[in-house]
């Protein structure tokens, strides 16, 4: 199972900081996170890591991957 670690608003929206997801076939990070996080697409800036390496939302996920995702906050 893929381990999904959520931070900030993503953890709040999903109701969990960590989830385990069975990945069957080819799925992208964005496809998986859309299923888990309400309003995911409203966050245009986000940091995604797969197995400790920077990734984009169109990266394919395998069942053994660890994904971390956090929203980028801005302000001044």
N, C-alpha and C. Protein backbone atom coordinates (compact mmCIF):
# COMPACT_ATOMS: atom_id res chain seq x y z
N UNK A 1 0.82 -1.19 0.00
CA UNK A 1 0.00 0.00 0.00
C UNK A 1 0.87 1.25 0.00
N UNK A 2 0.42 2.25 -0.73
CA UNK A 2 1.12 3.53 -0.74
C UNK A 2 0.77 4.28 0.54
N UNK A 3 1.78 4.89 1.14
CA UNK A 3 1.57 5.68 2.35
C UNK A 3 1.48 7.14 1.94
N UNK A 4 0.40 7.79 2.35
CA UNK A 4 0.18 9.20 2.02
C UNK A 4 0.27 10.00 3.31
N UNK A 5 1.20 10.96 3.36
CA UNK A 5 1.35 11.84 4.51
C UNK A 5 0.87 13.23 4.11
N UNK A 6 -0.12 13.72 4.85
CA UNK A 6 -0.73 15.01 4.53
C UNK A 6 -0.35 16.03 5.58
N UNK A 7 -0.11 17.25 5.15
CA UNK A 7 0.28 18.31 6.06
C UNK A 7 -0.62 19.52 5.87
N UNK A 8 -0.71 20.34 6.92
CA UNK A 8 -1.45 21.59 6.86
C UNK A 8 -2.92 21.39 6.53
N UNK A 9 -3.41 22.24 5.64
CA UNK A 9 -4.83 22.22 5.26
C UNK A 9 -5.24 20.89 4.66
N UNK A 10 -4.33 20.20 3.98
CA UNK A 10 -4.68 18.91 3.40
C UNK A 10 -5.04 17.90 4.47
N UNK A 11 -4.29 17.86 5.56
CA UNK A 11 -4.61 16.95 6.68
C UNK A 11 -5.96 17.31 7.29
N UNK A 12 -6.21 18.60 7.42
CA UNK A 12 -7.48 19.05 7.98
C UNK A 12 -8.65 18.63 7.09
N UNK A 13 -8.55 18.87 5.79
CA UNK A 13 -9.63 18.54 4.87
C UNK A 13 -9.87 17.04 4.77
N UNK A 14 -8.81 16.24 4.80
CA UNK A 14 -8.94 14.79 4.69
C UNK A 14 -9.31 14.14 6.02
N UNK A 15 -9.13 14.88 7.12
CA UNK A 15 -9.44 14.33 8.44
C UNK A 15 -8.40 13.35 8.95
N UNK A 16 -7.19 13.40 8.39
CA UNK A 16 -6.11 12.50 8.81
C UNK A 16 -4.78 13.06 8.35
N UNK A 17 -3.74 12.75 9.12
CA UNK A 17 -2.38 13.16 8.73
C UNK A 17 -1.69 12.09 7.89
N UNK A 18 -2.17 10.86 8.02
CA UNK A 18 -1.54 9.77 7.27
C UNK A 18 -2.61 8.77 6.85
N UNK A 19 -2.50 8.32 5.60
CA UNK A 19 -3.43 7.34 5.05
C UNK A 19 -2.65 6.30 4.27
N UNK A 20 -3.18 5.10 4.22
CA UNK A 20 -2.61 4.04 3.39
C UNK A 20 -3.62 3.74 2.30
N UNK A 21 -3.13 3.71 1.05
CA UNK A 21 -4.01 3.55 -0.09
C UNK A 21 -3.49 2.43 -0.98
N UNK A 22 -4.38 1.54 -1.38
CA UNK A 22 -4.03 0.49 -2.33
C UNK A 22 -4.05 1.08 -3.73
N UNK A 23 -2.93 0.97 -4.42
CA UNK A 23 -2.82 1.52 -5.78
C UNK A 23 -2.88 0.35 -6.77
N UNK A 24 -3.98 0.29 -7.49
CA UNK A 24 -4.15 -0.74 -8.52
C UNK A 24 -3.96 -0.10 -9.88
N UNK A 25 -3.06 -0.61 -10.66
CA UNK A 25 -2.83 -0.07 -11.99
C UNK A 25 -2.09 1.25 -11.93
N UNK A 26 -2.17 1.99 -13.02
CA UNK A 26 -1.46 3.27 -13.11
C UNK A 26 -2.36 4.40 -12.61
N UNK A 27 -1.86 5.13 -11.62
CA UNK A 27 -2.56 6.31 -11.11
C UNK A 27 -1.53 7.38 -10.85
N UNK A 28 -1.94 8.63 -11.04
CA UNK A 28 -1.04 9.74 -10.75
C UNK A 28 -1.29 10.23 -9.32
N UNK A 29 -0.34 11.02 -8.83
CA UNK A 29 -0.48 11.61 -7.51
C UNK A 29 -1.78 12.42 -7.44
N UNK A 30 -2.01 13.26 -8.45
CA UNK A 30 -3.22 14.08 -8.45
C UNK A 30 -4.49 13.24 -8.41
N UNK A 31 -4.55 12.16 -9.16
CA UNK A 31 -5.74 11.30 -9.16
C UNK A 31 -6.01 10.74 -7.76
N UNK A 32 -4.97 10.29 -7.11
CA UNK A 32 -5.13 9.72 -5.77
C UNK A 32 -5.55 10.79 -4.77
N UNK A 33 -4.89 11.94 -4.82
CA UNK A 33 -5.19 12.99 -3.84
C UNK A 33 -6.57 13.60 -4.06
N UNK A 34 -7.04 13.64 -5.28
CA UNK A 34 -8.41 14.13 -5.54
C UNK A 34 -9.45 13.25 -4.86
N UNK A 35 -9.16 11.94 -4.77
CA UNK A 35 -10.09 11.01 -4.12
C UNK A 35 -10.07 11.16 -2.60
N UNK A 36 -8.94 11.60 -2.05
CA UNK A 36 -8.76 11.65 -0.60
C UNK A 36 -9.03 13.00 0.03
N UNK A 37 -8.80 14.08 -0.73
CA UNK A 37 -8.84 15.43 -0.16
C UNK A 37 -9.93 16.25 -0.84
N UNK A 38 -10.99 16.59 -0.09
CA UNK A 38 -12.00 17.48 -0.67
C UNK A 38 -11.35 18.82 -1.05
N UNK A 39 -11.76 19.39 -2.17
CA UNK A 39 -11.28 20.70 -2.64
C UNK A 39 -9.79 20.70 -2.99
N UNK A 40 -9.21 19.55 -3.26
CA UNK A 40 -7.79 19.45 -3.59
C UNK A 40 -7.39 20.37 -4.74
N UNK A 41 -8.23 20.44 -5.76
CA UNK A 41 -7.90 21.24 -6.95
C UNK A 41 -7.93 22.74 -6.70
N UNK A 42 -8.48 23.17 -5.57
CA UNK A 42 -8.49 24.60 -5.24
C UNK A 42 -7.10 25.09 -4.82
N UNK A 43 -6.22 24.17 -4.47
CA UNK A 43 -4.86 24.52 -4.06
C UNK A 43 -3.95 24.42 -5.28
N UNK A 44 -3.63 25.57 -5.86
CA UNK A 44 -2.82 25.57 -7.07
C UNK A 44 -1.34 25.34 -6.77
N UNK A 45 -0.87 25.83 -5.63
CA UNK A 45 0.53 25.66 -5.24
C UNK A 45 0.62 24.64 -4.13
N UNK A 46 1.38 23.59 -4.39
CA UNK A 46 1.57 22.53 -3.40
C UNK A 46 2.96 21.92 -3.58
N UNK A 47 3.46 21.36 -2.51
CA UNK A 47 4.74 20.66 -2.57
C UNK A 47 4.43 19.17 -2.47
N UNK A 48 4.93 18.41 -3.43
CA UNK A 48 4.71 16.97 -3.47
C UNK A 48 6.06 16.28 -3.46
N UNK A 49 6.19 15.29 -2.59
CA UNK A 49 7.41 14.48 -2.52
C UNK A 49 7.00 13.01 -2.67
N UNK A 50 7.73 12.29 -3.49
CA UNK A 50 7.54 10.83 -3.60
C UNK A 50 8.85 10.18 -3.21
N UNK A 51 8.80 9.39 -2.17
CA UNK A 51 9.99 8.70 -1.65
C UNK A 51 11.13 9.67 -1.39
N UNK A 52 10.78 10.86 -0.87
CA UNK A 52 11.79 11.85 -0.50
C UNK A 52 12.31 12.71 -1.64
N UNK A 53 11.75 12.56 -2.83
CA UNK A 53 12.19 13.33 -3.99
C UNK A 53 11.06 14.22 -4.48
N UNK A 54 11.37 15.46 -4.89
CA UNK A 54 10.33 16.35 -5.42
C UNK A 54 9.63 15.71 -6.62
N UNK A 55 8.31 15.93 -6.69
CA UNK A 55 7.53 15.34 -7.78
C UNK A 55 6.44 16.31 -8.19
N UNK A 56 5.84 16.02 -9.33
CA UNK A 56 4.71 16.79 -9.81
C UNK A 56 3.45 15.94 -9.67
N UNK A 57 2.32 16.59 -9.83
CA UNK A 57 1.04 15.89 -9.70
C UNK A 57 0.79 14.84 -10.76
N UNK A 58 1.48 14.94 -11.89
CA UNK A 58 1.27 13.96 -12.96
C UNK A 58 2.20 12.74 -12.84
N UNK A 59 2.98 12.68 -11.75
CA UNK A 59 3.87 11.53 -11.54
C UNK A 59 3.05 10.29 -11.19
N UNK A 60 3.43 9.16 -11.77
CA UNK A 60 2.72 7.91 -11.48
C UNK A 60 3.18 7.35 -10.14
N UNK A 61 2.24 6.76 -9.44
CA UNK A 61 2.48 6.22 -8.09
C UNK A 61 2.43 4.71 -8.14
N UNK A 62 3.36 4.08 -7.41
CA UNK A 62 3.35 2.63 -7.26
C UNK A 62 2.86 2.29 -5.87
N UNK A 63 2.45 1.06 -5.69
CA UNK A 63 1.86 0.63 -4.42
C UNK A 63 2.83 0.71 -3.25
N UNK A 64 4.12 0.77 -3.50
CA UNK A 64 5.12 0.81 -2.42
C UNK A 64 5.63 2.21 -2.12
N UNK A 65 5.10 3.24 -2.78
CA UNK A 65 5.60 4.60 -2.63
C UNK A 65 5.10 5.28 -1.35
N UNK A 66 5.90 6.25 -0.90
CA UNK A 66 5.47 7.14 0.18
C UNK A 66 5.34 8.53 -0.41
N UNK A 67 4.18 9.13 -0.26
CA UNK A 67 3.89 10.45 -0.81
C UNK A 67 3.66 11.42 0.33
N UNK A 68 4.29 12.56 0.25
CA UNK A 68 4.04 13.65 1.20
C UNK A 68 3.54 14.84 0.39
N UNK A 69 2.51 15.49 0.91
CA UNK A 69 1.98 16.65 0.21
C UNK A 69 1.62 17.74 1.21
N UNK A 70 2.00 18.97 0.85
CA UNK A 70 1.68 20.11 1.71
C UNK A 70 1.33 21.31 0.84
N UNK A 71 0.39 22.11 1.31
CA UNK A 71 0.07 23.33 0.55
C UNK A 71 1.16 24.38 0.76
N UNK A 72 1.34 25.22 -0.23
CA UNK A 72 2.27 26.34 -0.12
C UNK A 72 1.47 27.53 0.39
N UNK A 73 1.93 28.10 1.48
CA UNK A 73 1.25 29.25 2.05
C UNK A 73 2.00 30.51 1.67
N UNK A 74 1.24 31.56 1.48
CA UNK A 74 1.88 32.83 1.17
C UNK A 74 1.20 33.92 1.98
N UNK A 75 1.86 34.99 2.11
CA UNK A 75 1.31 36.10 2.86
C UNK A 75 2.38 37.15 3.06
N UNK A 76 2.04 38.16 3.77
CA UNK A 76 3.06 39.18 3.93
C UNK A 76 2.76 40.08 5.09
